């Protein structure tokens, strides 16, 4: 298994690979859910400037119950895309296997597409990395969850005078705030928040952490009263205390080091509008760290089902 595998270079092989992942027991109709289907021979689509004779449509399947036709990409992030399917599969692998992410320009060069196309492909793939609905909360009896925040953005002194905020925002000068929960030897969950206050963070903690969890934080004021909801241990960084028994925040700070390397070394700038998607990407790679790159790619490809993201919606989906 390597990057020159047929599914990364051949359209038919990519489609067969995706079918095997989505339908291990045979095609499932996305319209009615029926397993009763038959495969159709390749058909010509409508003529166009790019394809005067009509593009050849392969992988067509017809449901014998509702009589609708479909392919493996119907009802997924890849539906109605004009980009070759093997390029989608390769782009997913590249984004999953790059520990610090991959820039739109680099992805564009490797796929032979424009930077704008590669940027949009990346955001679509990040949608497939989102956690599935109904995942259990972090922690539990005998488990430890660390909570901390970090700030994304350049130094205020390096900004143009017209871009300087002149006031403190979100706990740091003009930066965006990412609040992260890490279960030791478990999952991570990052959230883009407007500011670091107890009113903002408490609902996230209560919703995402099991009540029986031991919560570890630093001595920041926003965590002062968290003992009312959890067993709470604090390390006093102000007094140069970083570890006391099981109490420390080294795990979450290790995750931040990976996130910051992605910002400084790969993406350089993450707009506030899309920061939550970049958080999903780094969370996904951390949560699948015990798998290899190919297994991680397959997990992401399975996540394309039931999720659509059009170009216009990239500006309208809230964090």
Foldseek 3Di string as FASTA:
>chain_A
DDCPPCLLPPLVNVQVVLCCLQPVPADADPVPRDRAKDADAWDFADADPVRNRGDTDHQWMAHPPPRDIDHSCPQFACPPDPQRSSLLLSLLLQQLQDLLGAQLVRSCVVSVHDSVVSVVSLLLLLLLLFDDPPDAAPFDAPWEKEKDKDWDDDDQVPDDPVPFPPDAWQNHGVTWMKIKIDIVVAAIDIDTDRHQALVGVVVVCLVRHDQNYEYAYEPDPSCVPVVVRHNYDYAHVVVVGADDPPHHRVVVVVLVVSNVCSCVPHVVDDDPLCVNSSSSSNRSSVRCVVDHSVVSSSSSSNSRHNDYDDPVCSNVDHD
